[in-house]
Amino acid sequence: MKKNRRKIALLICLVMCVALIAACGSDDSGPAQTGPSTAPPTSQTPPPAPPTIVPVAPPDEARLADEINVIVDNNTITVINQFLSAGNTSPTLWTWTMIHDRLIVNEGSGVYSPGLALDWRTTDYQTFVFDLREGVTFHNGDPFTAADVVFTINTAKEFPGTRGNDIWRIVDTVRAVNPFQVEMVLSQVHVDFFFDISMPWGGMVNQRARSTMSPDDWTWIGTGPFQVAHFETGSHVVLERYDGFWGEPAPTRQVTLRYVPEAGTRPLMLLSGEYQVLFSINTPDVPQFEAHADFTVLETIFNAPNCIGFNMADPLMSDYNFRMAVMHAINRDDVAMGAAGVWARAPQDGNNWGFGTEFRLTDIPNIPFDPVLARQYLADSPYNGETLEIAVTVRTNVLAAEVVQEQLRQNLGMETVIAEFDTPGFVSHVRTADVAHMHVFASSFTLSAAGSSWNVFSPDSGSNRIRYDNPFISDLISTARATTDLNARIAIFHEIQRYMAEDPPYMNLFWRYNPLVIRNGIGGMQLGYDALTYNLRGIYWVLED
């Protein structure tokens, strides 16, 4: 009861502060935003720029390869469909980005450029108007019009718990003003709407394809520079250049994205010349490519922390003392070393937000490794000697889970079993199965806009892997999403971070430094701080003369 009264008091106090800030510091001209190069108010103080690899066009007169073969990361491509939860994997989104276009494109630091929309505007962040590009065709030859935008949004709303639904469910009504203009009215003010719809899963799909093609492949029809030539679920997808693309043609005729489950086989496929790009390389294999004259090792740093999360729908996992016991029993330096060696770093503070996420606080203290304190917390918890499950996917997190398992055994006498899944199976398991007690995962909170926290902590979001349902936090995020005054938004998001640091539903274990290997001459890729926003549309391979 005391905690509930504290929540209510905090919320009332914060809302009063927001109102005061807005009254004293708001811009009398109003929050009007238009395209194509305007930023939402959240970006007036952009986050620090994480390391990125910016695409560079191939040299003039260079001889380019017709085909490029890519070994994707440790996630399978099970479906090419953002209206299904199984489509929530990084290589699926790479594929989606290559075959679909969004209305607007996120250039970073709050700047957006035209995609399928040439212009856009709002005066209140609740009603949005988009003027569409004419002369665009889908891969099946249909012209792209406002009717396809209306169809995409209404279809996404049919599939709760998916990435497409996460973006478009806030749209209350959408209508085609004319064949090339769309009006959207949101259910509430949302200042991060431009950011949300610029994400890969905001791509437009074709209305006629759903009624004329099978349920497995109708979502393959997009307007992007590549089209699906062949797809074998769980294995690979072959993408061919779409010559009817409205923009700059892709430099490569065919790109194959393949999932290779055997970690030891991947370097051999690269060395043989069969493949030219390797995203999923084990750290012990990196030095041989660093010393090889034909290859280059690139490095990106993921904004998403790798975490241990708790199933907050489970009575034991939701108990504060139990979670504190587990967190104090974990030595994160050892977990980072065991998971990825020199390619991982333990966090220096206790904030679970991405390092490049705007409004991030850096003064939140770490939960220290303290086995004595851990045992005291465990004694005060409902834990009664049960054997608990740690669900996990991808090799790095399996290794991390093994270290966590041993530390819990040594420091708490707690027995656990590790349940390993492919990524679609893992997502389904941790969101629905009562037996998934804990899990090691890369946090979905990977994007630079603080408003994306809604996708992680909203109870019915497809990215809520910890089954977190806290009305106080939901109310704060909803308030922040509807607040146009920058200082007021900062105050709200700071309160969210401090509150969740006091009662954390998951714990940052390490930051992942991600190595990838390319054959010399490969270029044109855009690789940022988030694997979900990698863009391989412009990939090319310059051949030696």
Protein backbone atom coordinates (compact mmCIF):
# COMPACT_ATOMS: atom_id res chain seq x y z
CA MET A 1 0.00 0.00 0.00
CA LYS A 2 2.84 2.39 0.88
CA LYS A 3 4.52 1.71 -2.47
CA ASN A 4 1.24 2.40 -4.31
CA ARG A 5 0.79 5.70 -2.42
CA ARG A 6 4.38 6.62 -3.32
CA LYS A 7 3.68 5.90 -6.99
CA ILE A 8 0.59 8.07 -6.98
CA ALA A 9 2.38 10.88 -5.17
CA LEU A 10 5.30 10.71 -7.60
CA LEU A 11 3.00 10.77 -10.59
CA ILE A 12 0.97 13.72 -9.29
CA CYS A 13 4.15 15.64 -8.44
CA LEU A 14 5.69 14.91 -11.83
CA VAL A 15 2.58 15.90 -13.76
CA MET A 16 2.47 19.17 -11.82
CA CYS A 17 6.13 19.79 -12.65
CA VAL A 18 5.49 19.03 -16.31
CA ALA A 19 2.63 21.50 -16.38
CA LEU A 20 4.77 24.15 -14.73
CA ILE A 21 7.67 23.60 -17.13
CA ALA A 22 5.36 23.67 -20.13
CA ALA A 23 3.69 26.88 -18.95
CA CYS A 24 6.97 28.64 -18.31
CA GLY A 25 9.09 27.36 -21.16
CA SER A 26 6.87 26.41 -24.08
CA ASP A 27 7.25 27.93 -27.52
CA ASP A 28 4.29 30.21 -28.32
CA SER A 29 4.57 29.30 -31.98
CA GLY A 30 3.39 25.76 -31.24
CA PRO A 31 4.99 22.41 -32.07
CA ALA A 32 4.43 22.39 -35.83
CA GLN A 33 6.65 19.92 -37.68
CA THR A 34 6.98 19.50 -41.42
CA GLY A 35 9.14 17.50 -43.82
CA PRO A 36 11.50 16.68 -45.25
CA SER A 37 14.31 17.73 -42.87
CA THR A 38 12.74 18.58 -39.52
CA ALA A 39 13.35 16.93 -36.19
CA PRO A 40 10.87 16.15 -33.43
CA PRO A 41 11.41 18.06 -30.19
CA THR A 42 13.14 15.05 -28.62
CA SER A 43 16.18 15.69 -30.76
CA GLN A 44 17.00 19.26 -29.72
CA THR A 45 19.73 17.66 -27.60
CA PRO A 46 20.70 14.61 -29.65
CA PRO A 47 22.33 11.62 -27.96
CA PRO A 48 26.06 11.02 -28.42
CA ALA A 49 26.71 9.47 -31.81
CA PRO A 50 27.66 5.80 -31.42
CA PRO A 51 30.21 4.32 -33.83
CA THR A 52 28.73 3.79 -37.28
CA ILE A 53 29.94 2.57 -40.65
CA VAL A 54 28.56 4.93 -43.28
CA PRO A 55 27.98 3.59 -46.79
CA VAL A 56 30.29 4.91 -49.50
CA ALA A 57 29.44 4.68 -53.20
CA PRO A 58 31.67 2.44 -55.34
CA PRO A 59 34.45 4.17 -57.26
CA ASP A 60 33.64 5.35 -60.76
CA GLU A 61 34.35 2.76 -63.44
CA ALA A 62 34.90 0.06 -60.80
CA ARG A 63 34.16 -3.51 -61.85
CA LEU A 64 31.49 -4.84 -59.48
CA ALA A 65 30.49 -8.41 -58.72
CA ASP A 66 27.04 -9.53 -59.81
CA GLU A 67 26.48 -11.59 -56.67
CA ILE A 68 27.33 -11.25 -52.98
CA ASN A 69 26.78 -13.93 -50.35
CA VAL A 70 26.33 -12.92 -46.71
CA ILE A 71 26.36 -15.09 -43.60
CA VAL A 72 23.96 -13.37 -41.21
CA ASP A 73 24.21 -13.20 -37.42
CA ASN A 74 23.08 -15.90 -35.00
CA ASN A 75 19.38 -15.41 -35.80
CA THR A 76 17.41 -17.33 -38.38
CA ILE A 77 15.14 -15.87 -41.04
CA THR A 78 12.00 -17.84 -40.27
CA VAL A 79 9.41 -15.63 -41.95
CA ILE A 80 9.54 -12.41 -43.96
CA ASN A 81 6.54 -10.89 -42.27
CA GLN A 82 6.46 -8.07 -39.71
CA PHE A 83 2.88 -8.98 -38.81
CA LEU A 84 4.13 -12.19 -37.16
CA SER A 85 6.18 -12.36 -33.95
CA ALA A 86 8.61 -14.80 -35.62
CA GLY A 87 9.62 -11.93 -37.91
CA ASN A 88 11.25 -10.13 -34.99
CA THR A 89 14.87 -11.08 -35.76
CA SER A 90 17.69 -8.90 -37.04
CA PRO A 91 18.33 -10.64 -40.41
CA THR A 92 14.59 -10.68 -41.06
CA LEU A 93 14.61 -6.91 -40.65
CA TRP A 94 17.66 -6.62 -42.91
CA THR A 95 15.64 -8.48 -45.54
CA TRP A 96 12.57 -6.33 -44.87
CA THR A 97 14.65 -3.17 -45.32
CA MET A 98 15.94 -4.37 -48.69
CA ILE A 99 12.51 -5.17 -50.13
CA HIS A 100 10.28 -2.55 -48.47
CA ASP A 101 10.24 1.24 -48.24
CA ARG A 102 9.08 3.41 -45.36
CA LEU A 103 7.30 6.73 -45.62
CA ILE A 104 10.31 8.58 -44.22
CA VAL A 105 13.95 7.66 -43.61
CA ASN A 106 15.77 8.31 -40.33
CA GLU A 107 19.11 9.97 -41.05
CA GLY A 108 20.02 10.26 -37.35
CA SER A 109 20.06 13.16 -34.87
CA GLY A 110 16.37 13.82 -35.51
CA VAL A 111 16.72 14.44 -39.25
CA TYR A 112 14.37 12.66 -41.65
CA SER A 113 14.52 12.46 -45.42
CA PRO A 114 11.88 11.46 -47.97
CA GLY A 115 11.05 7.85 -48.56
CA LEU A 116 7.65 7.01 -50.00
CA ALA A 117 6.50 10.37 -48.63
CA LEU A 118 7.92 13.52 -50.17
CA ASP A 119 6.51 15.84 -47.52
CA TRP A 120 4.84 15.54 -44.11
CA ARG A 121 3.41 17.87 -41.51
CA THR A 122 1.69 18.15 -38.17
CA THR A 123 0.71 21.03 -35.93
CA ASP A 124 -0.22 19.08 -32.82
CA TYR A 125 1.55 15.67 -33.01
CA GLN A 126 -1.82 13.97 -33.20
CA THR A 127 -2.94 14.65 -36.77
CA PHE A 128 -0.35 13.94 -39.48
CA VAL A 129 -0.55 14.48 -43.24
CA PHE A 130 1.80 12.78 -45.72
CA ASP A 131 2.18 13.69 -49.40
CA LEU A 132 3.23 10.56 -51.25
CA ARG A 133 5.71 9.99 -54.04
CA GLU A 134 4.10 9.33 -57.43
CA GLY A 135 5.36 6.84 -60.00
CA VAL A 136 6.32 4.12 -57.48
CA THR A 137 5.44 0.50 -58.27
CA PHE A 138 5.36 -2.64 -56.17
CA HIS A 139 7.28 -5.74 -57.24
CA ASN A 140 4.05 -7.17 -58.71
CA GLY A 141 3.63 -4.09 -60.92
CA ASP A 142 0.87 -2.41 -58.89
CA PRO A 143 1.21 1.35 -58.42
CA PHE A 144 1.83 2.51 -54.86
CA THR A 145 -0.97 4.81 -53.63
CA ALA A 146 -2.51 6.11 -50.45
CA ALA A 147 -4.77 3.04 -50.37
CA ASP A 148 -1.70 0.88 -49.65
CA VAL A 149 -0.76 3.08 -46.69
CA VAL A 150 -4.27 2.73 -45.28
CA PHE A 151 -4.12 -1.03 -45.89
CA THR A 152 -0.70 -1.41 -44.21
CA ILE A 153 -1.82 0.40 -41.06
CA ASN A 154 -5.14 -1.41 -40.76
CA THR A 155 -3.46 -4.77 -41.36
CA ALA A 156 -0.83 -4.12 -38.67
CA LYS A 157 -3.60 -3.39 -36.17
CA GLU A 158 -4.93 -6.93 -36.75
CA PHE A 159 -1.77 -8.50 -35.32
CA PRO A 160 -1.07 -7.41 -31.71
CA GLY A 161 2.26 -8.33 -30.21
CA THR A 162 4.19 -7.79 -33.45
CA ARG A 163 6.63 -5.08 -34.52
CA GLY A 164 4.28 -3.76 -37.17
CA ASN A 165 1.52 -3.47 -34.61
CA ASP A 166 3.84 -1.73 -32.15
CA ILE A 167 4.22 1.16 -34.61
CA TRP A 168 0.78 1.52 -36.11
CA ARG A 169 -1.61 0.64 -33.26
CA ILE A 170 -1.58 4.24 -32.03
CA VAL A 171 -3.25 5.35 -35.29
CA ASP A 172 -6.93 5.81 -34.48
CA THR A 173 -8.09 6.65 -38.00
CA VAL A 174 -6.33 6.78 -41.36
CA ARG A 175 -7.81 7.92 -44.65
CA ALA A 176 -6.74 8.55 -48.20
CA VAL A 177 -7.40 12.23 -48.86
CA ASN A 178 -6.58 11.55 -52.52
CA PRO A 179 -4.48 8.88 -54.28
CA PHE A 180 -1.26 10.52 -53.10
CA GLN A 181 -2.11 12.08 -49.75
CA VAL A 182 -2.83 10.36 -46.44
CA GLU A 183 -4.16 11.75 -43.17
CA MET A 184 -3.56 9.91 -39.89
CA VAL A 185 -5.18 10.80 -36.57
CA LEU A 186 -3.57 9.20 -33.53
CA SER A 187 -5.40 8.13 -30.40
CA GLN A 188 -3.21 10.54 -28.42
CA VAL A 189 -0.45 13.06 -28.96
CA HIS A 190 2.80 11.23 -29.80
CA VAL A 191 5.91 13.32 -30.43
CA ASP A 192 8.03 10.28 -31.37
CA PHE A 193 5.69 9.21 -34.17
CA PHE A 194 8.09 10.28 -36.92
CA PHE A 195 10.83 8.23 -35.28
CA ASP A 196 8.63 5.15 -34.92
CA ILE A 197 7.43 5.04 -38.52
CA SER A 198 10.98 5.49 -39.81
CA MET A 199 11.97 2.11 -38.37
CA PRO A 200 12.30 -0.92 -40.73
CA TRP A 201 9.05 -2.53 -39.63
CA GLY A 202 7.17 0.57 -40.82
CA GLY A 203 7.55 -0.57 -44.45
CA MET A 204 4.54 -0.47 -46.79
CA VAL A 205 2.93 -3.67 -48.10
CA ASN A 206 0.72 -4.31 -51.11
CA GLN A 207 -3.04 -4.52 -50.78
CA ARG A 208 -3.75 -6.83 -53.73
CA ALA A 209 -1.00 -9.29 -52.76
CA ARG A 210 -2.84 -10.34 -49.60
CA SER A 211 -5.87 -11.46 -51.55
CA THR A 212 -4.04 -13.08 -54.47
CA MET A 213 -0.99 -14.74 -52.88
CA SER A 214 -0.50 -17.34 -50.17
CA PRO A 215 -0.39 -16.36 -46.47
CA ASP A 216 3.30 -17.28 -46.45
CA ASP A 217 4.54 -14.95 -49.16
CA TRP A 218 2.17 -12.03 -49.75
CA THR A 219 4.22 -9.78 -47.43
CA TRP A 220 7.25 -10.26 -49.70
CA ILE A 221 5.83 -7.74 -52.16
CA GLY A 222 7.33 -4.32 -51.51
CA THR A 223 8.58 -1.26 -53.37
CA GLY A 224 12.28 -1.57 -52.42
CA PRO A 225 15.38 -2.04 -54.60
CA PHE A 226 15.35 -5.84 -54.14
CA GLN A 227 12.68 -8.49 -54.54
CA VAL A 228 12.52 -12.03 -53.15
CA ALA A 229 13.68 -14.61 -55.71
CA HIS A 230 13.80 -17.59 -53.36
CA PHE A 231 13.23 -18.16 -49.66
CA GLU A 232 13.90 -21.27 -47.60
CA THR A 233 12.69 -20.73 -44.06
CA GLY A 234 15.36 -21.09 -41.40
CA SER A 235 18.08 -21.25 -44.03
CA HIS A 236 18.46 -18.46 -46.59
CA VAL A 237 16.81 -15.85 -48.77
CA VAL A 238 17.93 -14.89 -52.27
CA LEU A 239 17.22 -11.27 -53.21
CA GLU A 240 17.35 -10.00 -56.79
CA ARG A 241 17.60 -6.40 -57.94
CA TYR A 242 14.21 -4.91 -58.82
CA ASP A 243 14.72 -2.98 -62.03
CA GLY A 244 11.47 -1.05 -61.54
CA PHE A 245 12.72 0.57 -58.33
CA TRP A 246 11.86 4.28 -58.12
CA GLY A 247 15.25 5.34 -56.71
CA GLU A 248 18.93 4.69 -57.39
CA PRO A 249 19.29 1.11 -58.62
CA ALA A 250 21.07 -1.37 -56.37
CA PRO A 251 24.73 -1.86 -57.37
CA THR A 252 24.52 -5.65 -56.99
CA ARG A 253 22.26 -7.92 -59.04
CA GLN A 254 21.81 -10.64 -56.40
CA VAL A 255 22.38 -10.80 -52.64
CA THR A 256 21.95 -13.99 -50.61
CA LEU A 257 21.51 -13.85 -46.84
CA ARG A 258 22.18 -17.22 -45.21
CA TYR A 259 21.97 -18.51 -41.66
CA VAL A 260 24.71 -21.05 -40.85
CA PRO A 261 24.13 -22.76 -37.49
CA GLU A 262 27.58 -24.36 -37.23
CA ALA A 263 29.91 -21.71 -35.84
CA GLY A 264 33.02 -23.60 -36.93
CA THR A 265 31.82 -23.81 -40.53
CA ARG A 266 31.30 -20.07 -41.04
CA PRO A 267 34.99 -19.01 -41.24
CA LEU A 268 35.69 -21.87 -43.66
CA MET A 269 32.91 -20.67 -45.97
CA LEU A 270 34.48 -17.22 -45.96
CA LEU A 271 38.02 -18.48 -46.54
CA SER A 272 36.86 -20.68 -49.42
CA GLY A 273 35.56 -17.62 -51.28
CA GLU A 274 31.99 -18.93 -51.26
CA TYR A 275 30.85 -16.06 -49.01
CA GLN A 276 32.11 -12.50 -48.74
CA VAL A 277 30.57 -11.17 -45.50
CA LEU A 278 30.41 -12.85 -42.09
CA PHE A 279 28.36 -11.23 -39.33
CA SER A 280 28.44 -14.10 -36.83
CA ILE A 281 32.06 -14.92 -36.04
CA ASN A 282 33.25 -16.41 -32.78
CA THR A 283 35.85 -14.26 -31.08
CA PRO A 284 38.62 -16.94 -31.16
CA ASP A 285 38.36 -16.91 -34.98
CA VAL A 286 38.88 -13.14 -35.32
CA PRO A 287 42.72 -13.02 -35.16
CA GLN A 288 43.21 -15.17 -38.27
CA PHE A 289 41.19 -12.68 -40.32
CA GLU A 290 42.93 -9.69 -38.75
CA ALA A 291 46.20 -11.16 -40.03
CA HIS A 292 44.82 -12.16 -43.45
CA ALA A 293 45.63 -9.86 -46.37
CA ASP A 294 42.33 -10.56 -48.18
CA PHE A 295 39.98 -9.60 -45.34
CA THR A 296 39.07 -6.67 -43.10
CA VAL A 297 37.62 -6.95 -39.60
CA LEU A 298 35.06 -4.25 -38.79
CA GLU A 299 33.72 -3.40 -35.35
CA THR A 300 30.40 -2.04 -34.22
CA ILE A 301 29.22 -1.51 -30.64
CA PHE A 302 25.67 -2.47 -29.86
CA ASN A 303 23.60 0.15 -28.10
CA ALA A 304 21.55 -2.70 -26.63
CA PRO A 305 22.93 -4.13 -23.40
CA ASN A 306 22.97 -7.88 -22.98
CA CYS A 307 20.89 -8.52 -19.88
CA ILE A 308 19.54 -11.04 -17.48
CA GLY A 309 15.80 -10.52 -17.40
CA PHE A 310 13.14 -11.80 -15.04
CA ASN A 311 9.69 -13.10 -15.92
CA MET A 312 7.77 -10.44 -14.02
CA ALA A 313 4.53 -12.40 -14.41
CA ASP A 314 6.00 -15.08 -12.13
CA PRO A 315 5.40 -14.47 -8.37
CA LEU A 316 8.94 -15.48 -7.41
CA MET A 317 10.62 -13.47 -10.18
CA SER A 318 8.59 -10.37 -9.38
CA ASP A 319 9.72 -10.50 -5.74
CA TYR A 320 12.17 -7.67 -5.08
CA ASN A 321 14.31 -9.64 -2.61
CA PHE A 322 14.72 -12.55 -5.01
CA ARG A 323 15.83 -10.30 -7.88
CA MET A 324 18.27 -8.47 -5.61
CA ALA A 325 19.69 -11.82 -4.50
CA VAL A 326 20.34 -12.90 -8.07
CA MET A 327 21.79 -9.54 -9.12
CA HIS A 328 24.19 -9.31 -6.15
CA ALA A 329 25.34 -12.90 -6.84
CA ILE A 330 26.53 -12.11 -10.38
CA ASN A 331 30.06 -10.96 -11.17
CA ARG A 332 29.52 -9.15 -14.47
CA ASP A 333 33.22 -8.93 -15.33
CA ASP A 334 33.35 -12.72 -15.36
CA VAL A 335 30.12 -12.94 -17.37
CA ALA A 336 31.44 -10.51 -20.00
CA MET A 337 34.73 -12.41 -20.32
CA GLY A 338 33.00 -15.78 -20.53
CA ALA A 339 30.48 -14.59 -23.10
CA ALA A 340 32.73 -12.75 -25.55
CA GLY A 341 36.20 -12.21 -24.10
CA VAL A 342 37.78 -8.93 -25.19
CA TRP A 343 34.68 -8.18 -27.31
CA ALA A 344 32.51 -7.46 -24.26
CA ARG A 345 32.70 -4.96 -21.42
CA ALA A 346 30.92 -4.94 -18.08
CA PRO A 347 28.87 -1.76 -17.48
CA GLN A 348 30.27 1.09 -15.42
CA ASP A 349 26.90 2.25 -14.08
CA GLY A 350 23.57 0.71 -13.17
CA ASN A 351 21.44 2.20 -15.94
CA ASN A 352 19.92 -0.41 -18.26
CA TRP A 353 19.21 2.08 -21.07
CA GLY A 354 21.27 1.98 -24.25
CA PHE A 355 24.48 4.00 -24.06
CA GLY A 356 23.40 6.16 -27.01
CA THR A 357 19.80 6.65 -25.93
CA GLU A 358 18.78 10.24 -25.41
CA PHE A 359 18.24 11.60 -21.89
CA ARG A 360 20.25 8.72 -20.40
CA LEU A 361 21.34 9.22 -16.79
CA THR A 362 24.92 8.22 -15.96
CA ASP A 363 24.79 8.65 -12.17
CA ILE A 364 22.73 5.52 -11.40
CA PRO A 365 24.97 3.27 -9.26
CA ASN A 366 25.77 -0.30 -10.19
CA ILE A 367 24.37 -3.18 -8.18
CA PRO A 368 27.63 -4.53 -6.74
CA PHE A 369 28.80 -8.13 -6.73
CA ASP A 370 28.30 -9.11 -3.06
CA PRO A 371 27.61 -12.81 -2.32
CA VAL A 372 27.04 -12.15 1.39
CA LEU A 373 24.36 -9.55 0.69
CA ALA A 374 22.94 -11.83 -2.01
CA ARG A 375 22.36 -14.61 0.52
CA GLN A 376 20.67 -12.17 2.91
CA TYR A 377 18.25 -11.09 0.19
CA LEU A 378 17.58 -14.71 -0.75
CA ALA A 379 16.71 -15.59 2.86
CA ASP A 380 14.08 -12.85 2.83
CA SER A 381 12.57 -14.01 -0.48
CA PRO A 382 9.93 -16.70 -1.18
CA TYR A 383 12.57 -18.91 -2.82
CA ASN A 384 12.26 -22.47 -1.52
CA GLY A 385 14.95 -24.43 -3.33
CA GLU A 386 13.22 -24.69 -6.69
CA THR A 387 15.24 -25.50 -9.80
CA LEU A 388 14.80 -22.53 -12.12
CA GLU A 389 15.01 -22.17 -15.87
CA ILE A 390 17.23 -19.72 -17.75
CA ALA A 391 15.95 -19.36 -21.31
CA VAL A 392 18.47 -18.23 -23.89
CA THR A 393 19.19 -17.84 -27.58
CA VAL A 394 22.35 -17.21 -29.71
CA ARG A 395 25.79 -18.49 -28.77
CA THR A 396 27.08 -15.39 -26.95
CA ASN A 397 24.14 -15.44 -24.56
CA VAL A 398 24.39 -19.20 -24.07
CA LEU A 399 27.96 -18.71 -22.86
CA ALA A 400 26.83 -15.85 -20.61
CA ALA A 401 24.05 -18.01 -19.17
CA GLU A 402 26.54 -20.77 -18.36
CA VAL A 403 28.64 -18.35 -16.29
CA VAL A 404 25.51 -17.01 -14.55
CA GLN A 405 24.40 -20.57 -13.83
CA GLU A 406 27.70 -21.41 -12.14
CA GLN A 407 27.72 -18.18 -10.12
CA LEU A 408 24.20 -18.77 -8.83
CA ARG A 409 25.19 -22.29 -7.82
CA GLN A 410 28.36 -21.19 -6.02
CA ASN A 411 27.07 -18.02 -4.39
CA LEU A 412 23.46 -18.94 -3.61
CA GLY A 413 23.29 -22.74 -3.84
CA MET A 414 20.65 -22.18 -6.51
CA GLU A 415 20.19 -24.83 -9.20
CA THR A 416 19.17 -23.77 -12.70
CA VAL A 417 18.72 -25.40 -16.09
CA ILE A 418 19.51 -23.63 -19.36
CA ALA A 419 16.88 -23.94 -22.09
CA GLU A 420 18.25 -22.97 -25.50
CA PHE A 421 15.97 -21.85 -28.36
CA ASP A 422 16.24 -20.37 -31.81
CA THR A 423 15.24 -16.72 -31.79
CA PRO A 424 11.56 -17.10 -32.82
CA GLY A 425 11.13 -19.90 -30.30
CA PHE A 426 12.84 -17.87 -27.60
CA VAL A 427 10.61 -14.82 -28.17
CA SER A 428 7.49 -16.96 -28.03
CA HIS A 429 8.68 -18.86 -24.96
CA VAL A 430 9.61 -15.91 -22.76
CA ARG A 431 6.43 -14.03 -23.66
CA THR A 432 3.98 -16.86 -23.05
CA ALA A 433 5.45 -19.76 -21.05
CA ASP A 434 5.15 -19.67 -17.25
CA VAL A 435 8.24 -21.86 -16.87
CA ALA A 436 10.62 -19.25 -18.32
CA HIS A 437 11.88 -17.85 -15.03
CA MET A 438 14.95 -15.93 -16.14
CA HIS A 439 16.59 -15.32 -19.48
CA VAL A 440 19.72 -13.83 -20.97
CA PHE A 441 18.99 -11.66 -23.95
CA ALA A 442 20.00 -8.54 -25.85
CA SER A 443 17.66 -5.85 -24.63
CA SER A 444 15.15 -4.64 -27.20
CA PHE A 445 15.72 -1.11 -25.93
CA THR A 446 18.18 -0.44 -28.71
CA LEU A 447 16.99 2.75 -30.35
CA SER A 448 18.13 6.30 -29.79
CA ALA A 449 14.69 7.79 -29.01
CA ALA A 450 13.68 7.54 -25.36
CA GLY A 451 10.08 7.10 -26.49
CA SER A 452 10.93 3.64 -27.79
CA SER A 453 10.86 2.53 -24.14
CA TRP A 454 7.12 2.11 -24.74
CA ASN A 455 7.88 -0.88 -26.97
CA VAL A 456 9.90 -2.53 -24.21
CA PHE A 457 7.70 -1.90 -21.20
CA SER A 458 4.16 -1.73 -22.60
CA PRO A 459 2.34 -4.91 -21.44
CA ASP A 460 1.09 -5.87 -24.93
CA SER A 461 4.16 -4.87 -26.92
CA GLY A 462 5.95 -7.40 -29.11
CA SER A 463 9.28 -6.34 -27.60
CA ASN A 464 8.30 -6.78 -23.94
CA ARG A 465 10.33 -9.90 -23.23
CA ILE A 466 10.14 -9.62 -19.45
CA ARG A 467 6.31 -9.49 -19.26
CA TYR A 468 6.61 -6.21 -17.42
CA ASP A 469 3.30 -4.64 -16.44
CA ASN A 470 3.69 -1.59 -14.24
CA PRO A 471 0.85 0.94 -14.59
CA PHE A 472 2.97 3.67 -12.99
CA ILE A 473 5.72 3.33 -15.64
CA SER A 474 3.15 2.95 -18.42
CA ASP A 475 1.48 6.19 -17.31
CA LEU A 476 4.80 8.03 -17.23
CA ILE A 477 5.79 6.84 -20.71
CA SER A 478 2.34 7.74 -22.07
CA THR A 479 2.69 11.20 -20.55
CA ALA A 480 6.16 11.62 -22.07
CA ARG A 481 4.95 10.52 -25.51
CA ALA A 482 2.28 13.23 -25.37
CA THR A 483 4.55 15.99 -24.02
CA THR A 484 5.99 18.41 -26.58
CA ASP A 485 8.04 20.51 -24.17
CA LEU A 486 11.62 19.21 -24.20
CA ASN A 487 12.49 19.94 -20.56
CA ALA A 488 9.28 18.31 -19.37
CA ARG A 489 10.07 15.18 -21.42
CA ILE A 490 13.55 15.02 -19.94
CA ALA A 491 12.13 15.25 -16.41
CA ILE A 492 9.73 12.38 -17.08
CA PHE A 493 12.32 10.07 -18.63
CA HIS A 494 14.76 10.79 -15.81
CA GLU A 495 12.08 9.82 -13.31
CA ILE A 496 11.45 6.58 -15.23
CA GLN A 497 15.12 5.66 -15.10
CA ARG A 498 15.46 6.42 -11.39
CA TYR A 499 12.30 4.53 -10.48
CA MET A 500 13.33 1.45 -12.47
CA ALA A 501 16.82 1.56 -10.96
CA GLU A 502 15.19 1.19 -7.53
CA ASP A 503 13.08 -1.79 -8.64
CA PRO A 504 14.83 -3.23 -11.74
CA PRO A 505 13.10 -5.95 -13.79
CA TYR A 506 16.35 -6.80 -15.55
CA MET A 507 20.08 -6.23 -15.17
CA ASN A 508 22.68 -5.14 -17.70
CA LEU A 509 25.40 -7.81 -17.89
CA PHE A 510 27.71 -6.44 -20.59
CA TRP A 511 28.05 -4.28 -23.69
CA ARG A 512 28.80 -6.26 -26.84
CA TYR A 513 31.55 -5.17 -29.20
CA ASN A 514 30.56 -6.91 -32.40
CA PRO A 515 33.21 -8.00 -34.91
CA LEU A 516 32.30 -8.78 -38.51
CA VAL A 517 34.54 -9.85 -41.36
CA ILE A 518 34.35 -8.69 -44.97
CA ARG A 519 36.40 -9.58 -48.02
CA ASN A 520 38.42 -6.65 -49.31
CA GLY A 521 36.42 -4.62 -51.81
CA ILE A 522 33.11 -5.00 -50.00
CA GLY A 523 31.41 -1.65 -49.35
CA GLY A 524 28.10 0.19 -49.36
CA MET A 525 26.78 -1.22 -46.07
CA GLN A 526 25.33 1.01 -43.36
CA LEU A 527 26.15 -0.45 -39.96
CA GLY A 528 25.16 1.50 -36.88
CA TYR A 529 24.88 0.85 -33.17
CA ASP A 530 21.86 -1.40 -33.57
CA ALA A 531 21.74 -4.60 -35.63
CA LEU A 532 18.05 -4.03 -36.24
CA THR A 533 18.82 -0.94 -38.31
CA TYR A 534 21.59 -2.33 -40.50
CA ASN A 535 21.01 -1.41 -44.14
CA LEU A 536 22.49 -3.62 -46.86
CA ARG A 537 20.65 -2.06 -49.81
CA GLY A 538 23.79 -0.50 -51.23
CA ILE A 539 26.20 -3.40 -50.70
CA TYR A 540 28.74 -3.99 -53.47
CA TRP A 541 31.98 -5.87 -54.10
CA VAL A 542 34.71 -4.20 -56.14
CA LEU A 543 36.59 -6.88 -58.06
CA GLU A 544 40.30 -6.66 -58.67
CA ASP A 545 41.37 -6.03 -62.24
